[in-house]
């Protein structure tokens, strides 16, 4: 007797798989989005993983909660959704932090009063510790390459590529080569595009 086909497939597709299947994002775009999600998820609370950030962004897009503006590339749009989700998570975390105070301002000009939230701009102890640990890991990865360590220090100071090249007296080619080595090492040691 021939086997009948099942009419209902009980497998559940993740939003990333659905987006890929619908052609919303291509394979290379999905790989880029995974890398961006990993970057945005660094330093977030432990209950938020990079794949959660990406899945939530894609879920909001597929469900219609977020609509892509005309003329905006899909990768940029999804990255923007993930960035706003990251900010949303930080607002949630910082809402109960001890550095959060409300100040009442009277006589705004129209005679009314308004309450304004003031936050301590310095990072909390968890963020500071997390950042220090990440810096130590990155410095360890590049301990045998002093040029990359100097470039990282320049980036940490907020210098542009031109300023770093001028300060280190290196050519565009040397700078670009060092950045490619950095990228390859970071991708090899944790920022891969494949799920672990």
Protein backbone atom coordinates (compact mmCIF):
# COMPACT_ATOMS: atom_id res chain seq x y z
CA UNK A 1 0.00 0.00 0.00
CA UNK A 2 1.49 3.40 -0.95
CA UNK A 3 2.35 5.69 1.91
CA UNK A 4 0.14 8.75 2.20
CA UNK A 5 1.73 12.12 2.66
CA UNK A 6 1.20 13.88 5.93
CA UNK A 7 -0.77 17.06 5.53
CA UNK A 8 0.56 18.64 8.70
CA UNK A 9 4.24 19.04 9.37
CA UNK A 10 4.82 19.36 13.10
CA UNK A 11 8.30 20.82 12.78
CA UNK A 12 8.61 24.39 13.96
CA UNK A 13 10.82 26.74 12.02
CA UNK A 14 12.77 29.37 13.86
CA UNK A 15 12.27 32.94 12.61
CA UNK A 16 15.76 32.91 11.07
CA UNK A 17 14.89 29.77 9.09
CA UNK A 18 11.54 31.26 8.09
CA UNK A 19 13.18 34.50 6.96
CA UNK A 20 15.69 32.49 4.93
CA UNK A 21 12.92 30.33 3.44
CA UNK A 22 10.80 33.36 2.54
CA UNK A 23 13.75 34.98 0.83
CA UNK A 24 13.67 37.92 3.23
CA UNK A 25 17.38 37.42 3.85
CA UNK A 26 19.95 35.50 1.87
CA UNK A 27 22.53 33.12 3.31
CA UNK A 28 25.31 35.72 3.33
CA UNK A 29 23.01 38.33 4.86
CA UNK A 30 22.08 35.85 7.60
CA UNK A 31 25.77 35.24 8.32
CA UNK A 32 26.35 39.00 8.59
CA UNK A 33 23.34 39.35 10.89
CA UNK A 34 24.64 36.56 13.14
CA UNK A 35 27.95 38.38 13.50
CA UNK A 36 26.20 41.68 14.21
CA UNK A 37 23.97 39.95 16.78
CA UNK A 38 27.05 38.56 18.55
CA UNK A 39 28.56 42.04 18.76
CA UNK A 40 25.33 43.62 20.04
CA UNK A 41 24.79 40.85 22.61
CA UNK A 42 28.16 41.39 24.28
CA UNK A 43 27.71 42.80 27.74
CA UNK A 44 23.94 42.24 27.81
CA UNK A 45 22.40 40.46 30.78
CA UNK A 46 23.08 36.71 30.87
CA UNK A 47 19.48 35.89 29.97
CA UNK A 48 19.93 37.49 26.52
CA UNK A 49 22.06 35.50 24.07
CA UNK A 50 23.02 36.66 20.60
CA UNK A 51 20.66 34.19 18.93
CA UNK A 52 17.79 35.44 21.12
CA UNK A 53 18.50 38.97 19.92
CA UNK A 54 18.48 37.91 16.26
CA UNK A 55 15.41 35.69 16.65
CA UNK A 56 13.45 38.44 18.40
CA UNK A 57 14.35 40.95 15.69
CA UNK A 58 13.32 38.58 12.91
CA UNK A 59 10.15 37.60 14.77
CA UNK A 60 9.11 41.24 15.05
CA UNK A 61 9.76 41.76 11.35
CA UNK A 62 7.92 38.61 10.23
CA UNK A 63 4.97 39.29 12.55
CA UNK A 64 4.69 42.81 11.19
CA UNK A 65 5.52 44.58 14.46
CA UNK A 66 8.43 46.28 12.67
CA UNK A 67 8.16 47.35 9.06
CA UNK A 68 11.10 47.86 6.75
CA UNK A 69 11.27 51.41 5.37
CA UNK A 70 11.54 51.70 1.63
CA UNK A 71 15.10 51.91 0.36
CA UNK A 72 16.71 50.48 3.53
CA UNK A 73 18.74 47.29 3.05
CA UNK A 74 17.50 44.26 5.00
CA UNK A 75 20.78 43.82 6.91
CA UNK A 76 20.76 47.46 8.01
CA UNK A 77 17.10 47.24 8.98
CA UNK A 78 17.50 44.05 11.05
CA UNK A 79 20.66 45.46 12.65
CA UNK A 80 18.67 48.56 13.62
CA UNK A 81 15.94 46.39 15.16
CA UNK A 82 18.59 44.46 17.13
CA UNK A 83 20.15 47.74 18.28
CA UNK A 84 16.79 48.94 19.60
CA UNK A 85 16.23 45.56 21.31
CA UNK A 86 19.64 45.91 22.98
CA UNK A 87 18.68 49.39 24.19
CA UNK A 88 15.36 48.00 25.43
CA UNK A 89 17.18 45.33 27.45
CA UNK A 90 19.54 47.95 28.93
CA UNK A 91 16.60 50.17 29.90
CA UNK A 92 15.03 47.21 31.64
CA UNK A 93 18.26 46.41 33.50
CA UNK A 94 19.05 50.02 34.42
CA UNK A 95 15.52 50.76 35.60
CA UNK A 96 16.22 49.13 38.94
CA UNK A 97 19.89 50.07 39.24
CA UNK A 98 21.06 52.16 42.22
CA UNK A 99 22.41 54.93 39.96
CA UNK A 100 18.88 55.82 38.83
CA UNK A 101 17.35 58.91 40.45
CA UNK A 102 14.38 61.08 39.61
CA UNK A 103 14.60 64.83 40.11
CA UNK A 104 11.60 67.14 40.17
CA UNK A 105 12.00 70.43 38.29
CA UNK A 106 9.51 73.15 39.19
CA UNK A 107 8.64 76.26 37.21
CA UNK A 108 9.45 74.95 33.74
CA UNK A 109 8.45 78.26 32.17
CA UNK A 110 4.77 77.53 31.86
CA UNK A 111 4.35 77.14 35.63
CA UNK A 112 4.23 73.35 35.51
CA UNK A 113 6.63 70.92 37.10
CA UNK A 114 8.22 67.93 35.48
CA UNK A 115 10.05 64.87 36.78
CA UNK A 116 13.30 64.08 34.97
CA UNK A 117 15.27 60.85 35.25
CA UNK A 118 18.98 61.31 35.88
CA UNK A 119 21.28 58.35 35.49
CA UNK A 120 24.84 57.90 36.54
CA UNK A 121 26.75 57.86 33.23
CA UNK A 122 29.52 55.65 34.56
CA UNK A 123 29.14 51.92 33.91
CA UNK A 124 28.03 49.71 36.74
CA UNK A 125 30.40 47.20 38.34
CA UNK A 126 29.08 44.33 36.19
CA UNK A 127 29.64 46.22 32.93
CA UNK A 128 33.11 47.35 34.05
CA UNK A 129 34.14 43.82 35.01
CA UNK A 130 32.72 42.38 31.79
CA UNK A 131 34.55 44.99 29.69
CA UNK A 132 37.84 44.37 31.53
CA UNK A 133 37.52 40.61 30.99
CA UNK A 134 36.79 41.09 27.28
CA UNK A 135 39.77 43.42 26.89
CA UNK A 136 42.07 40.90 28.59
CA UNK A 137 40.85 38.13 26.27
CA UNK A 138 41.35 40.30 23.18
CA UNK A 139 44.81 41.40 24.34
CA UNK A 140 45.67 37.74 24.92
CA UNK A 141 44.63 36.84 21.39
CA UNK A 142 47.00 39.46 19.95
CA UNK A 143 49.83 39.26 22.50
CA UNK A 144 52.30 38.28 19.76
CA UNK A 145 51.31 41.13 17.42
CA UNK A 146 52.31 44.54 18.87
CA UNK A 147 50.96 46.44 15.84
CA UNK A 148 47.46 45.09 16.41
CA UNK A 149 47.66 45.90 20.12
CA UNK A 150 48.55 49.51 19.23
CA UNK A 151 45.67 49.68 16.74
CA UNK A 152 43.28 48.33 19.39
CA UNK A 153 44.55 50.95 21.86
CA UNK A 154 43.95 53.67 19.25
CA UNK A 155 40.44 52.39 18.55
CA UNK A 156 39.79 52.32 22.29
CA UNK A 157 40.74 56.00 22.47
CA UNK A 158 38.24 56.76 19.71
CA UNK A 159 40.83 57.58 17.06
CA UNK A 160 39.98 57.29 13.39
CA UNK A 161 41.92 55.03 11.02
CA UNK A 162 43.80 58.02 9.63
CA UNK A 163 44.79 59.21 13.11
CA UNK A 164 45.99 55.73 14.07
CA UNK A 165 48.03 55.38 10.86
CA UNK A 166 49.60 58.81 11.44
CA UNK A 167 50.40 58.09 15.10
CA UNK A 168 51.92 54.69 14.31
CA UNK A 169 53.55 55.90 11.06
CA UNK A 170 52.23 52.96 9.05
CA UNK A 171 50.87 52.74 5.50
CA UNK A 172 47.29 52.09 4.49
CA UNK A 173 48.33 48.61 3.37
CA UNK A 174 49.92 47.74 6.73
CA UNK A 175 46.87 49.06 8.60
CA UNK A 176 44.43 47.16 6.38
CA UNK A 177 46.49 43.96 6.67
CA UNK A 178 46.51 44.25 10.45
CA UNK A 179 42.73 44.81 10.51
CA UNK A 180 42.21 41.71 8.34
CA UNK A 181 44.39 39.66 10.71
CA UNK A 182 42.31 41.00 13.62
CA UNK A 183 39.06 40.08 11.88
CA UNK A 184 40.25 36.56 11.01
CA UNK A 185 41.46 35.92 14.56
CA UNK A 186 38.25 37.21 16.12
CA UNK A 187 36.11 35.14 13.77
CA UNK A 188 38.24 32.05 14.41
CA UNK A 189 38.14 32.48 18.19
CA UNK A 190 34.50 33.14 18.91
CA UNK A 191 32.84 35.34 16.34
CA UNK A 192 32.12 32.54 13.91
CA UNK A 193 28.92 32.59 11.92
CA UNK A 194 28.03 28.99 12.71
CA UNK A 195 26.00 28.11 15.83
CA UNK A 196 28.04 26.44 18.55
